[in-house]
Amino acid sequence: MRNHTITTFILLGLTDDPQLKVVIFIFLFLTYMLSITGNLAIISLTFLDASLKTAMYFFLQNFSFLEISFTTACIPRYLYSLSTGDKSITYNSCAIQIFFTDLFGVTEFFLLATMSYDRYIAICKPLHYVTIMNTRVCRRLILCCWTAALLVILPPFSLVLNLEFCNSNVIDHFVCDAEPILTISCTETWLIEQMVIICAVLTFIMTLICVVLSYVYIIITILQFPSAQQRKRAFSTCSSHMIVVSITYGSCIFIYVKPAAKDSVSINKGVTVLVTSISPMLNPFIYTLRNKQVKQAFKDSVKRIALFVNK
């Protein structure tokens, strides 16, 4: 970021209370390790188990990779700060953190919309599912998610890199984020703020429309099934994704729809903790606990490992 006098930022973190810092460190460390373990387990299962070689689990594999990447871009740096007391972060490190957290976060929204489309094809056009959602199409859809995310974040990010900082280098957050960075800049930020809002709203609305339309068609189709057993089975295939979508979009709404200006910083921090640590930890459990196929694949893998160890 363009400045010759200020070379580092100071991240204030979540609290200055030493005892509370210990609690936060233990909590974030445990949730981070559970998140990494759970998402790596899902990635491993989808690679190793033949029954999980479908489009649905291919997207789930990529979603788990994004969750690992997103939480790793945020949490380890703050854990280091909590353990050492070093709150400083360089310009380059801050810019890199903003870029990757935004990239992974926006890509997740596009991927969730893609996963909704996958569920729509599976429920509404089951006879054509394998043909429509073939390997080539799935890979192209993943590429489109990453490309769309890059196109969304690059314009505002390129403007953020040109910000100047004259008086303050203190960021009231535990991660580098666009909003607190804009607050302390002495450059006119109106254009960047409007661009950030437009990009965020467009991403949110476009992907939400895709999700809502997919599930409207899914629900209409399921209600037309003749037997209650068929309806229950169809709903169960979508329930995990619906829960994850609700958590992700609900968190985003809380970040951008604030009840009062004086509470916005603390609410933003709290929701960021939810998005960067708790949500990535919960998602593997949501998908495994509500998915018989994944649970069976996990049991089979455990049995194979046990047999290998016994030999």
C-alpha atoms as a PDB file:
ATOM      1  CA  MET A   1       0.000   0.000   0.000  1.00  0.00           C
ATOM      2  CA  ARG A   2       1.411   3.395  -1.010  1.00  0.00           C
ATOM      3  CA  ASN A   3       3.044   5.121   1.969  1.00  0.00           C
ATOM      4  CA  HIS A   4       6.604   5.956   2.920  1.00  0.00           C
ATOM      5  CA  THR A   5       6.159   6.792   6.602  1.00  0.00           C
ATOM      6  CA  ILE A   6       3.899   4.027   7.977  1.00  0.00           C
ATOM      7  CA  THR A   7       5.324   0.566   7.302  1.00  0.00           C
ATOM      8  CA  THR A   8       3.172  -1.534   9.620  1.00  0.00           C
ATOM      9  CA  PHE A   9      -0.374  -1.754  10.947  1.00  0.00           C
ATOM     10  CA  ILE A  10      -1.388  -2.565  14.522  1.00  0.00           C
ATOM     11  CA  LEU A  11      -4.249  -5.059  14.861  1.00  0.00           C
ATOM     12  CA  LEU A  12      -6.067  -4.404  18.145  1.00  0.00           C
ATOM     13  CA  GLY A  13      -7.614  -7.881  18.231  1.00  0.00           C
ATOM     14  CA  LEU A  14     -10.719  -8.889  20.183  1.00  0.00           C
ATOM     15  CA  THR A  15      -9.738  -7.872  23.731  1.00  0.00           C
ATOM     16  CA  ASP A  16      -6.945  -6.532  25.959  1.00  0.00           C
ATOM     17  CA  ASP A  17      -7.944  -8.662  28.965  1.00  0.00           C
ATOM     18  CA  PRO A  18      -5.043 -11.168  29.562  1.00  0.00           C
ATOM     19  CA  GLN A  19      -7.321 -13.877  31.011  1.00  0.00           C
ATOM     20  CA  LEU A  20      -9.847 -13.510  28.211  1.00  0.00           C
ATOM     21  CA  LYS A  21      -6.998 -13.710  25.689  1.00  0.00           C
ATOM     22  CA  VAL A  22      -6.098 -17.165  27.052  1.00  0.00           C
ATOM     23  CA  VAL A  23      -9.711 -18.311  26.695  1.00  0.00           C
ATOM     24  CA  ILE A  24      -9.922 -16.921  23.139  1.00  0.00           C
ATOM     25  CA  PHE A  25      -6.605 -18.556  22.185  1.00  0.00           C
ATOM     26  CA  ILE A  26      -7.717 -21.992  23.437  1.00  0.00           C
ATOM     27  CA  PHE A  27     -11.137 -21.623  21.771  1.00  0.00           C
ATOM     28  CA  LEU A  28      -9.757 -20.494  18.392  1.00  0.00           C
ATOM     29  CA  PHE A  29      -6.961 -23.079  18.448  1.00  0.00           C
ATOM     30  CA  LEU A  30      -9.409 -25.932  19.119  1.00  0.00           C
ATOM     31  CA  THR A  31     -11.939 -24.758  16.501  1.00  0.00           C
ATOM     32  CA  TYR A  32      -9.126 -24.262  13.964  1.00  0.00           C
ATOM     33  CA  MET A  33      -7.722 -27.761  14.527  1.00  0.00           C
ATOM     34  CA  LEU A  34     -11.223 -29.312  14.371  1.00  0.00           C
ATOM     35  CA  SER A  35     -11.940 -27.372  11.174  1.00  0.00           C
ATOM     36  CA  ILE A  36      -8.716 -28.504   9.488  1.00  0.00           C
ATOM     37  CA  THR A  37      -9.188 -32.119  10.640  1.00  0.00           C
ATOM     38  CA  GLY A  38     -12.850 -32.312   9.627  1.00  0.00           C
ATOM     39  CA  ASN A  39     -12.408 -30.720   6.215  1.00  0.00           C
ATOM     40  CA  LEU A  40      -9.272 -32.768   5.454  1.00  0.00           C
ATOM     41  CA  ALA A  41     -11.243 -35.902   6.377  1.00  0.00           C
ATOM     42  CA  ILE A  42     -13.947 -34.987   3.857  1.00  0.00           C
ATOM     43  CA  ILE A  43     -11.357 -34.259   1.146  1.00  0.00           C
ATOM     44  CA  SER A  44      -9.612 -37.578   1.848  1.00  0.00           C
ATOM     45  CA  LEU A  45     -12.884 -39.545   1.797  1.00  0.00           C
ATOM     46  CA  THR A  46     -13.978 -38.042  -1.525  1.00  0.00           C
ATOM     47  CA  PHE A  47     -10.595 -38.929  -3.023  1.00  0.00           C
ATOM     48  CA  LEU A  48     -10.398 -42.485  -1.673  1.00  0.00           C
ATOM     49  CA  ASP A  49     -13.963 -43.815  -1.588  1.00  0.00           C
ATOM     50  CA  ALA A  50     -15.407 -44.957  -4.935  1.00  0.00           C
ATOM     51  CA  SER A  51     -19.008 -44.335  -3.811  1.00  0.00           C
ATOM     52  CA  LEU A  52     -18.257 -40.603  -3.398  1.00  0.00           C
ATOM     53  CA  LYS A  53     -17.058 -40.053  -6.966  1.00  0.00           C
ATOM     54  CA  THR A  54     -20.076 -37.940  -7.951  1.00  0.00           C
ATOM     55  CA  ALA A  55     -20.562 -34.266  -8.769  1.00  0.00           C
ATOM     56  CA  MET A  56     -22.091 -33.557  -5.348  1.00  0.00           C
ATOM     57  CA  TYR A  57     -19.002 -34.797  -3.496  1.00  0.00           C
ATOM     58  CA  PHE A  58     -16.646 -33.182  -6.009  1.00  0.00           C
ATOM     59  CA  PHE A  59     -18.189 -29.812  -5.087  1.00  0.00           C
ATOM     60  CA  LEU A  60     -18.108 -30.733  -1.385  1.00  0.00           C
ATOM     61  CA  GLN A  61     -14.410 -31.551  -1.744  1.00  0.00           C
ATOM     62  CA  ASN A  62     -13.757 -28.103  -3.219  1.00  0.00           C
ATOM     63  CA  PHE A  63     -15.918 -26.459  -0.561  1.00  0.00           C
ATOM     64  CA  SER A  64     -13.857 -28.148   2.180  1.00  0.00           C
ATOM     65  CA  PHE A  65     -10.657 -26.934   0.506  1.00  0.00           C
ATOM     66  CA  LEU A  66     -12.052 -23.381   0.510  1.00  0.00           C
ATOM     67  CA  GLU A  67     -12.988 -23.667   4.188  1.00  0.00           C
ATOM     68  CA  ILE A  68      -9.447 -24.778   5.086  1.00  0.00           C
ATOM     69  CA  SER A  69      -7.948 -21.963   3.008  1.00  0.00           C
ATOM     70  CA  PHE A  70     -10.285 -19.286   4.386  1.00  0.00           C
ATOM     71  CA  THR A  71      -9.791 -20.106   8.065  1.00  0.00           C
ATOM     72  CA  THR A  72      -6.013 -20.517   7.546  1.00  0.00           C
ATOM     73  CA  ALA A  73      -5.825 -17.041   6.016  1.00  0.00           C
ATOM     74  CA  CYS A  74      -7.298 -15.540   9.208  1.00  0.00           C
ATOM     75  CA  ILE A  75      -6.852 -17.597  12.373  1.00  0.00           C
ATOM     76  CA  PRO A  76      -3.117 -18.634  12.576  1.00  0.00           C
ATOM     77  CA  ARG A  77      -1.938 -14.993  12.352  1.00  0.00           C
ATOM     78  CA  TYR A  78      -4.215 -13.996  15.233  1.00  0.00           C
ATOM     79  CA  LEU A  79      -3.172 -17.044  17.281  1.00  0.00           C
ATOM     80  CA  TYR A  80       0.438 -15.918  16.811  1.00  0.00           C
ATOM     81  CA  SER A  81      -0.504 -12.428  18.002  1.00  0.00           C
ATOM     82  CA  LEU A  82      -2.284 -13.811  21.085  1.00  0.00           C
ATOM     83  CA  SER A  83       0.638 -16.062  22.021  1.00  0.00           C
ATOM     84  CA  THR A  84       3.447 -13.521  21.488  1.00  0.00           C
ATOM     85  CA  GLY A  85       1.704 -10.206  22.121  1.00  0.00           C
ATOM     86  CA  ASP A  86       2.933  -8.938  18.750  1.00  0.00           C
ATOM     87  CA  LYS A  87       0.041  -6.979  17.226  1.00  0.00           C
ATOM     88  CA  SER A  88       1.985  -5.548  14.298  1.00  0.00           C
ATOM     89  CA  ILE A  89       1.497  -6.653  10.694  1.00  0.00           C
ATOM     90  CA  THR A  90       3.347  -5.329   7.639  1.00  0.00           C
ATOM     91  CA  TYR A  91       1.670  -3.596   4.705  1.00  0.00           C
ATOM     92  CA  ASN A  92       2.377  -6.511   2.385  1.00  0.00           C
ATOM     93  CA  SER A  93       1.109  -9.118   4.862  1.00  0.00           C
ATOM     94  CA  CYS A  94      -2.048  -7.081   5.442  1.00  0.00           C
ATOM     95  CA  ALA A  95      -2.667  -6.680   1.709  1.00  0.00           C
ATOM     96  CA  ILE A  96      -2.127 -10.417   1.131  1.00  0.00           C
ATOM     97  CA  GLN A  97      -4.546 -11.273   3.952  1.00  0.00           C
ATOM     98  CA  ILE A  98      -7.233  -8.974   2.542  1.00  0.00           C
ATOM     99  CA  PHE A  99      -6.788 -10.409  -0.946  1.00  0.00           C
ATOM    100  CA  PHE A 100      -6.983 -14.078   0.023  1.00  0.00           C
ATOM    101  CA  THR A 101      -9.757 -13.773   2.616  1.00  0.00           C
ATOM    102  CA  ASP A 102     -11.882 -11.883   0.079  1.00  0.00           C
ATOM    103  CA  LEU A 103     -11.014 -14.306  -2.718  1.00  0.00           C
ATOM    104  CA  PHE A 104     -11.842 -17.416  -0.677  1.00  0.00           C
ATOM    105  CA  GLY A 105     -14.960 -15.828   0.819  1.00  0.00           C
ATOM    106  CA  VAL A 106     -16.431 -14.673  -2.504  1.00  0.00           C
ATOM    107  CA  THR A 107     -15.556 -17.991  -4.178  1.00  0.00           C
ATOM    108  CA  GLU A 108     -17.522 -19.784  -1.440  1.00  0.00           C
ATOM    109  CA  PHE A 109     -20.658 -17.838  -2.331  1.00  0.00           C
ATOM    110  CA  PHE A 110     -20.379 -18.795  -6.001  1.00  0.00           C
ATOM    111  CA  LEU A 111     -19.638 -22.396  -5.048  1.00  0.00           C
ATOM    112  CA  LEU A 112     -22.698 -22.565  -2.773  1.00  0.00           C
ATOM    113  CA  ALA A 113     -24.817 -21.359  -5.708  1.00  0.00           C
ATOM    114  CA  THR A 114     -23.225 -24.026  -7.918  1.00  0.00           C
ATOM    115  CA  MET A 115     -23.946 -26.695  -5.306  1.00  0.00           C
ATOM    116  CA  SER A 116     -27.586 -25.541  -5.247  1.00  0.00           C
ATOM    117  CA  TYR A 117     -27.739 -25.988  -9.023  1.00  0.00           C
ATOM    118  CA  ASP A 118     -26.253 -29.467  -8.618  1.00  0.00           C
ATOM    119  CA  ARG A 119     -29.007 -30.382  -6.125  1.00  0.00           C
ATOM    120  CA  TYR A 120     -31.616 -28.953  -8.527  1.00  0.00           C
ATOM    121  CA  ILE A 121     -30.402 -31.229 -11.338  1.00  0.00           C
ATOM    122  CA  ALA A 122     -30.239 -34.240  -8.976  1.00  0.00           C
ATOM    123  CA  ILE A 123     -33.820 -33.781  -7.707  1.00  0.00           C
ATOM    124  CA  CYS A 124     -35.617 -32.280 -10.700  1.00  0.00           C
ATOM    125  CA  LYS A 125     -33.810 -34.096 -13.545  1.00  0.00           C
ATOM    126  CA  PRO A 126     -32.491 -37.309 -11.977  1.00  0.00           C
ATOM    127  CA  LEU A 127     -32.433 -39.312 -15.230  1.00  0.00           C
ATOM    128  CA  HIS A 128     -30.148 -36.739 -16.876  1.00  0.00           C
ATOM    129  CA  TYR A 129     -28.014 -36.000 -13.786  1.00  0.00           C
ATOM    130  CA  VAL A 130     -24.948 -38.046 -14.768  1.00  0.00           C
ATOM    131  CA  THR A 131     -25.013 -36.648 -18.305  1.00  0.00           C
ATOM    132  CA  ILE A 132     -25.475 -33.003 -17.315  1.00  0.00           C
ATOM    133  CA  MET A 133     -23.137 -32.963 -14.300  1.00  0.00           C
ATOM    134  CA  ASN A 134     -20.244 -34.828 -15.881  1.00  0.00           C
ATOM    135  CA  THR A 135     -16.628 -34.363 -14.811  1.00  0.00           C
ATOM    136  CA  ARG A 136     -15.856 -31.827 -17.518  1.00  0.00           C
ATOM    137  CA  VAL A 137     -18.839 -29.627 -16.593  1.00  0.00           C
ATOM    138  CA  CYS A 138     -18.026 -29.813 -12.877  1.00  0.00           C
ATOM    139  CA  ARG A 139     -14.445 -28.693 -13.440  1.00  0.00           C
ATOM    140  CA  ARG A 140     -15.607 -25.809 -15.615  1.00  0.00           C
ATOM    141  CA  LEU A 141     -18.097 -24.729 -12.958  1.00  0.00           C
ATOM    142  CA  ILE A 142     -15.350 -24.690 -10.309  1.00  0.00           C
ATOM    143  CA  LEU A 143     -13.129 -22.657 -12.645  1.00  0.00           C
ATOM    144  CA  CYS A 144     -16.011 -20.224 -13.202  1.00  0.00           C
ATOM    145  CA  CYS A 145     -16.443 -19.802  -9.423  1.00  0.00           C
ATOM    146  CA  TRP A 146     -12.776 -18.814  -8.981  1.00  0.00           C
ATOM    147  CA  THR A 147     -12.782 -16.580 -12.077  1.00  0.00           C
ATOM    148  CA  ALA A 148     -15.971 -14.784 -11.015  1.00  0.00           C
ATOM    149  CA  ALA A 149     -14.535 -14.201  -7.532  1.00  0.00           C
ATOM    150  CA  LEU A 150     -11.335 -12.726  -8.989  1.00  0.00           C
ATOM    151  CA  LEU A 151     -13.319 -10.405 -11.263  1.00  0.00           C
ATOM    152  CA  VAL A 152     -15.390  -9.241  -8.287  1.00  0.00           C
ATOM    153  CA  ILE A 153     -12.537  -8.495  -5.856  1.00  0.00           C
ATOM    154  CA  LEU A 154      -9.803  -7.153  -8.154  1.00  0.00           C
ATOM    155  CA  PRO A 155     -11.320  -3.689  -8.962  1.00  0.00           C
ATOM    156  CA  PRO A 156     -11.847  -2.586  -5.313  1.00  0.00           C
ATOM    157  CA  PHE A 157      -8.667  -4.344  -4.151  1.00  0.00           C
ATOM    158  CA  SER A 158      -6.548  -2.483  -6.724  1.00  0.00           C
ATOM    159  CA  LEU A 159      -7.920   0.816  -5.363  1.00  0.00           C
ATOM    160  CA  VAL A 160      -7.272  -0.238  -1.746  1.00  0.00           C
ATOM    161  CA  LEU A 161      -3.587  -0.777  -2.653  1.00  0.00           C
ATOM    162  CA  ASN A 162      -3.335   2.938  -3.529  1.00  0.00           C
ATOM    163  CA  LEU A 163      -4.625   4.202  -0.184  1.00  0.00           C
ATOM    164  CA  GLU A 164      -2.434   6.552   1.855  1.00  0.00           C
ATOM    165  CA  PHE A 165      -2.191   6.597   5.659  1.00  0.00           C
ATOM    166  CA  CYS A 166      -1.108   9.786   7.402  1.00  0.00           C
ATOM    167  CA  ASN A 167      -2.021   9.753  11.089  1.00  0.00           C
ATOM    168  CA  SER A 168      -3.113   6.306  12.237  1.00  0.00           C
ATOM    169  CA  ASN A 169      -2.022   2.752  11.593  1.00  0.00           C
ATOM    170  CA  VAL A 170      -4.266   1.129  14.231  1.00  0.00           C
ATOM    171  CA  ILE A 171      -6.860  -1.323  12.860  1.00  0.00           C
ATOM    172  CA  ASP A 172      -9.738  -2.077  15.229  1.00  0.00           C
ATOM    173  CA  HIS A 173     -10.024  -5.745  14.242  1.00  0.00           C
ATOM    174  CA  PHE A 174      -8.186  -9.051  14.633  1.00  0.00           C
ATOM    175  CA  VAL A 175      -7.722  -9.493  10.868  1.00  0.00           C
ATOM    176  CA  CYS A 176      -6.966  -7.068   8.055  1.00  0.00           C
ATOM    177  CA  ASP A 177     -10.324  -6.160   6.547  1.00  0.00           C
ATOM    178  CA  ALA A 178     -11.351  -3.553   3.997  1.00  0.00           C
ATOM    179  CA  GLU A 179     -13.759  -1.642   6.239  1.00  0.00           C
ATOM    180  CA  PRO A 180     -11.364  -0.776   9.133  1.00  0.00           C
ATOM    181  CA  ILE A 181      -8.589  -0.068   6.598  1.00  0.00           C
ATOM    182  CA  LEU A 182     -10.804   2.499   4.855  1.00  0.00           C
ATOM    183  CA  THR A 183     -11.680   4.050   8.228  1.00  0.00           C
ATOM    184  CA  ILE A 184      -8.078   5.005   9.063  1.00  0.00           C
ATOM    185  CA  SER A 185      -7.029   6.116   5.564  1.00  0.00           C
ATOM    186  CA  CYS A 186      -6.503   9.814   4.864  1.00  0.00           C
ATOM    187  CA  THR A 187      -7.319   9.270   1.168  1.00  0.00           C
ATOM    188  CA  GLU A 188     -10.830  10.005  -0.110  1.00  0.00           C
ATOM    189  CA  THR A 189     -12.481   6.571   0.128  1.00  0.00           C
ATOM    190  CA  TRP A 190     -16.008   7.291  -1.175  1.00  0.00           C
ATOM    191  CA  LEU A 191     -15.401   5.604  -4.544  1.00  0.00           C
ATOM    192  CA  ILE A 192     -13.807   2.515  -2.959  1.00  0.00           C
ATOM    193  CA  GLU A 193     -16.613   2.228  -0.396  1.00  0.00           C
ATOM    194  CA  GLN A 194     -19.249   2.379  -3.124  1.00  0.00           C
ATOM    195  CA  MET A 195     -17.356  -0.161  -5.215  1.00  0.00           C
ATOM    196  CA  VAL A 196     -16.994  -2.537  -2.240  1.00  0.00           C
ATOM    197  CA  ILE A 197     -20.722  -2.239  -1.487  1.00  0.00           C
ATOM    198  CA  ILE A 198     -21.699  -2.791  -5.130  1.00  0.00           C
ATOM    199  CA  CYS A 199     -19.418  -5.832  -5.514  1.00  0.00           C
ATOM    200  CA  ALA A 200     -20.596  -7.313  -2.191  1.00  0.00           C
ATOM    201  CA  VAL A 201     -24.284  -6.737  -2.937  1.00  0.00           C
ATOM    202  CA  LEU A 202     -24.020  -8.053  -6.508  1.00  0.00           C
ATOM    203  CA  THR A 203     -22.244 -11.201  -5.325  1.00  0.00           C
ATOM    204  CA  PHE A 204     -24.708 -11.689  -2.472  1.00  0.00           C
ATOM    205  CA  ILE A 205     -27.857 -11.077  -4.542  1.00  0.00           C
ATOM    206  CA  MET A 206     -26.756 -13.003  -7.653  1.00  0.00           C
ATOM    207  CA  THR A 207     -25.758 -16.107  -5.730  1.00  0.00           C
ATOM    208  CA  LEU A 208     -28.762 -15.871  -3.398  1.00  0.00           C
ATOM    209  CA  ILE A 209     -31.144 -15.689  -6.374  1.00  0.00           C
ATOM    210  CA  CYS A 210     -29.531 -18.842  -7.806  1.00  0.00           C
ATOM    211  CA  VAL A 211     -29.859 -20.622  -4.447  1.00  0.00           C
ATOM    212  CA  VAL A 212     -33.477 -19.526  -3.875  1.00  0.00           C
ATOM    213  CA  LEU A 213     -34.616 -20.397  -7.420  1.00  0.00           C
ATOM    214  CA  SER A 214     -32.926 -23.805  -7.217  1.00  0.00           C
ATOM    215  CA  TYR A 215     -34.638 -24.637  -3.940  1.00  0.00           C
ATOM    216  CA  VAL A 216     -38.027 -23.311  -5.064  1.00  0.00           C
ATOM    217  CA  TYR A 217     -37.934 -25.770  -7.983  1.00  0.00           C
ATOM    218  CA  ILE A 218     -36.568 -28.499  -5.706  1.00  0.00           C
ATOM    219  CA  ILE A 219     -39.350 -28.057  -3.138  1.00  0.00           C
ATOM    220  CA  ILE A 220     -42.058 -27.967  -5.824  1.00  0.00           C
ATOM    221  CA  THR A 221     -40.673 -31.164  -7.363  1.00  0.00           C
ATOM    222  CA  ILE A 222     -40.340 -32.951  -4.007  1.00  0.00           C
ATOM    223  CA  LEU A 223     -43.925 -32.104  -2.987  1.00  0.00           C
ATOM    224  CA  GLN A 224     -45.111 -33.838  -6.153  1.00  0.00           C
ATOM    225  CA  PHE A 225     -43.474 -37.140  -5.170  1.00  0.00           C
ATOM    226  CA  PRO A 226     -46.146 -39.803  -4.515  1.00  0.00           C
ATOM    227  CA  SER A 227     -44.730 -41.370  -1.333  1.00  0.00           C
ATOM    228  CA  ALA A 228     -43.657 -39.803   1.968  1.00  0.00           C
ATOM    229  CA  GLN A 229     -40.511 -41.961   1.954  1.00  0.00           C
ATOM    230  CA  GLN A 230     -39.399 -40.484  -1.387  1.00  0.00           C
ATOM    231  CA  ARG A 231     -40.034 -36.941  -0.129  1.00  0.00           C
ATOM    232  CA  LYS A 232     -38.073 -37.606   3.068  1.00  0.00           C
ATOM    233  CA  ARG A 233     -35.120 -39.073   1.148  1.00  0.00           C
ATOM    234  CA  ALA A 234     -35.079 -36.151  -1.287  1.00  0.00           C
ATOM    235  CA  PHE A 235     -35.177 -33.555   1.492  1.00  0.00           C
ATOM    236  CA  SER A 236     -32.372 -35.342   3.344  1.00  0.00           C
ATOM    237  CA  THR A 237     -30.045 -34.986   0.325  1.00  0.00           C
ATOM    238  CA  CYS A 238     -30.513 -31.197   0.432  1.00  0.00           C
ATOM    239  CA  SER A 239     -30.800 -30.530   4.167  1.00  0.00           C
ATOM    240  CA  SER A 240     -27.045 -30.304   4.869  1.00  0.00           C
ATOM    241  CA  HIS A 241     -26.492 -27.819   2.064  1.00  0.00           C
ATOM    242  CA  MET A 242     -29.500 -25.748   3.166  1.00  0.00           C
ATOM    243  CA  ILE A 243     -28.091 -25.484   6.725  1.00  0.00           C
ATOM    244  CA  VAL A 244     -24.646 -24.383   5.458  1.00  0.00           C
ATOM    245  CA  VAL A 245     -26.268 -21.849   3.099  1.00  0.00           C
ATOM    246  CA  SER A 246     -28.342 -20.433   5.972  1.00  0.00           C
ATOM    247  CA  ILE A 247     -25.267 -20.016   8.208  1.00  0.00           C
ATOM    248  CA  THR A 248     -23.179 -18.400   5.442  1.00  0.00           C
ATOM    249  CA  TYR A 249     -25.806 -15.959   4.166  1.00  0.00           C
ATOM    250  CA  GLY A 250     -27.072 -15.219   7.678  1.00  0.00           C
ATOM    251  CA  SER A 251     -23.554 -14.259   8.787  1.00  0.00           C
ATOM    252  CA  CYS A 252     -23.140 -12.009   5.769  1.00  0.00           C
ATOM    253  CA  ILE A 253     -26.426 -10.227   6.523  1.00  0.00           C
ATOM    254  CA  PHE A 254     -25.310  -9.537  10.114  1.00  0.00           C
ATOM    255  CA  ILE A 255     -22.019  -8.039   8.886  1.00  0.00           C
ATOM    256  CA  TYR A 256     -23.597  -5.619   6.386  1.00  0.00           C
ATOM    257  CA  VAL A 257     -26.909  -4.843   8.139  1.00  0.00           C
ATOM    258  CA  LYS A 258     -25.835  -3.300  11.450  1.00  0.00           C
ATOM    259  CA  PRO A 259     -28.285  -2.146  14.139  1.00  0.00           C
ATOM    260  CA  ALA A 260     -26.258   0.875  15.267  1.00  0.00           C
ATOM    261  CA  ALA A 261     -22.994   2.546  14.299  1.00  0.00           C
ATOM    262  CA  LYS A 262     -21.473   2.314  17.793  1.00  0.00           C
ATOM    263  CA  ASP A 263     -22.120  -1.432  17.914  1.00  0.00           C
ATOM    264  CA  SER A 264     -20.989  -2.145  14.346  1.00  0.00           C
ATOM    265  CA  VAL A 265     -17.310  -2.811  15.168  1.00  0.00           C
ATOM    266  CA  SER A 266     -18.003  -5.322  17.953  1.00  0.00           C
ATOM    267  CA  ILE A 267     -20.743  -7.033  15.926  1.00  0.00           C
ATOM    268  CA  ASN A 268     -18.434  -7.202  12.898  1.00  0.00           C
ATOM    269  CA  LYS A 269     -15.703  -8.813  15.006  1.00  0.00           C
ATOM    270  CA  GLY A 270     -18.104 -11.329  16.539  1.00  0.00           C
ATOM    271  CA  VAL A 271     -19.573 -12.369  13.205  1.00  0.00           C
ATOM    272  CA  THR A 272     -16.074 -12.589  11.696  1.00  0.00           C
ATOM    273  CA  VAL A 273     -15.150 -15.054  14.463  1.00  0.00           C
ATOM    274  CA  LEU A 274     -18.251 -17.073  13.527  1.00  0.00           C
ATOM    275  CA  VAL A 275     -17.394 -17.017   9.814  1.00  0.00           C
ATOM    276  CA  THR A 276     -13.653 -17.681  10.140  1.00  0.00           C
ATOM    277  CA  SER A 277     -13.584 -20.294  12.922  1.00  0.00           C
ATOM    278  CA  ILE A 278     -16.942 -21.712  14.024  1.00  0.00           C
ATOM    279  CA  SER A 279     -18.582 -22.104  10.607  1.00  0.00           C
ATOM    280  CA  PRO A 280     -15.623 -23.943   8.974  1.00  0.00           C
ATOM    281  CA  MET A 281     -15.540 -26.243  12.026  1.00  0.00           C
ATOM    282  CA  LEU A 282     -19.287 -27.009  11.920  1.00  0.00           C
ATOM    283  CA  ASN A 283     -19.648 -27.596   8.179  1.00  0.00           C
ATOM    284  CA  PRO A 284     -17.845 -30.994   8.080  1.00  0.00           C
ATOM    285  CA  PHE A 285     -20.016 -32.233  10.956  1.00  0.00           C
ATOM    286  CA  ILE A 286     -23.183 -30.924   9.278  1.00  0.00           C
ATOM    287  CA  TYR A 287     -22.376 -32.811   6.087  1.00  0.00           C
ATOM    288  CA  THR A 288     -21.252 -36.032   7.787  1.00  0.00           C
ATOM    289  CA  LEU A 289     -23.888 -36.288  10.528  1.00  0.00           C
ATOM    290  CA  ARG A 290     -26.738 -35.787   8.063  1.00  0.00           C
ATOM    291  CA  ASN A 291     -25.336 -37.856   5.213  1.00  0.00           C
ATOM    292  CA  LYS A 292     -25.519 -41.659   5.401  1.00  0.00           C
ATOM    293  CA  GLN A 293     -23.223 -42.125   2.403  1.00  0.00           C
ATOM    294  CA  VAL A 294     -20.413 -40.040   3.948  1.00  0.00           C
ATOM    295  CA  LYS A 295     -20.853 -41.779   7.325  1.00  0.00           C
ATOM    296  CA  GLN A 296     -20.657 -45.183   5.659  1.00  0.00           C
ATOM    297  CA  ALA A 297     -17.548 -44.129   3.705  1.00  0.00           C
ATOM    298  CA  PHE A 298     -15.969 -42.945   6.953  1.00  0.00           C
ATOM    299  CA  LYS A 299     -16.755 -46.257   8.700  1.00  0.00           C
ATOM    300  CA  ASP A 300     -15.319 -48.221   5.755  1.00  0.00           C
ATOM    301  CA  SER A 301     -12.141 -46.133   5.834  1.00  0.00           C
ATOM    302  CA  VAL A 302     -11.740 -46.685   9.584  1.00  0.00           C
ATOM    303  CA  LYS A 303     -12.152 -50.449   9.068  1.00  0.00           C
ATOM    304  CA  ARG A 304      -9.533 -50.455   6.290  1.00  0.00           C
ATOM    305  CA  ILE A 305      -7.098 -48.515   8.472  1.00  0.00           C
ATOM    306  CA  ALA A 306      -7.736 -50.880  11.399  1.00  0.00           C
ATOM    307  CA  LEU A 307      -7.108 -53.944   9.209  1.00  0.00           C
ATOM    308  CA  PHE A 308      -3.905 -52.378   7.864  1.00  0.00           C
ATOM    309  CA  VAL A 309      -2.643 -51.588  11.381  1.00  0.00           C
ATOM    310  CA  ASN A 310      -3.463 -55.117  12.634  1.00  0.00           C
ATOM    311  CA  LYS A 311      -1.485 -56.662   9.776  1.00  0.00           C
END
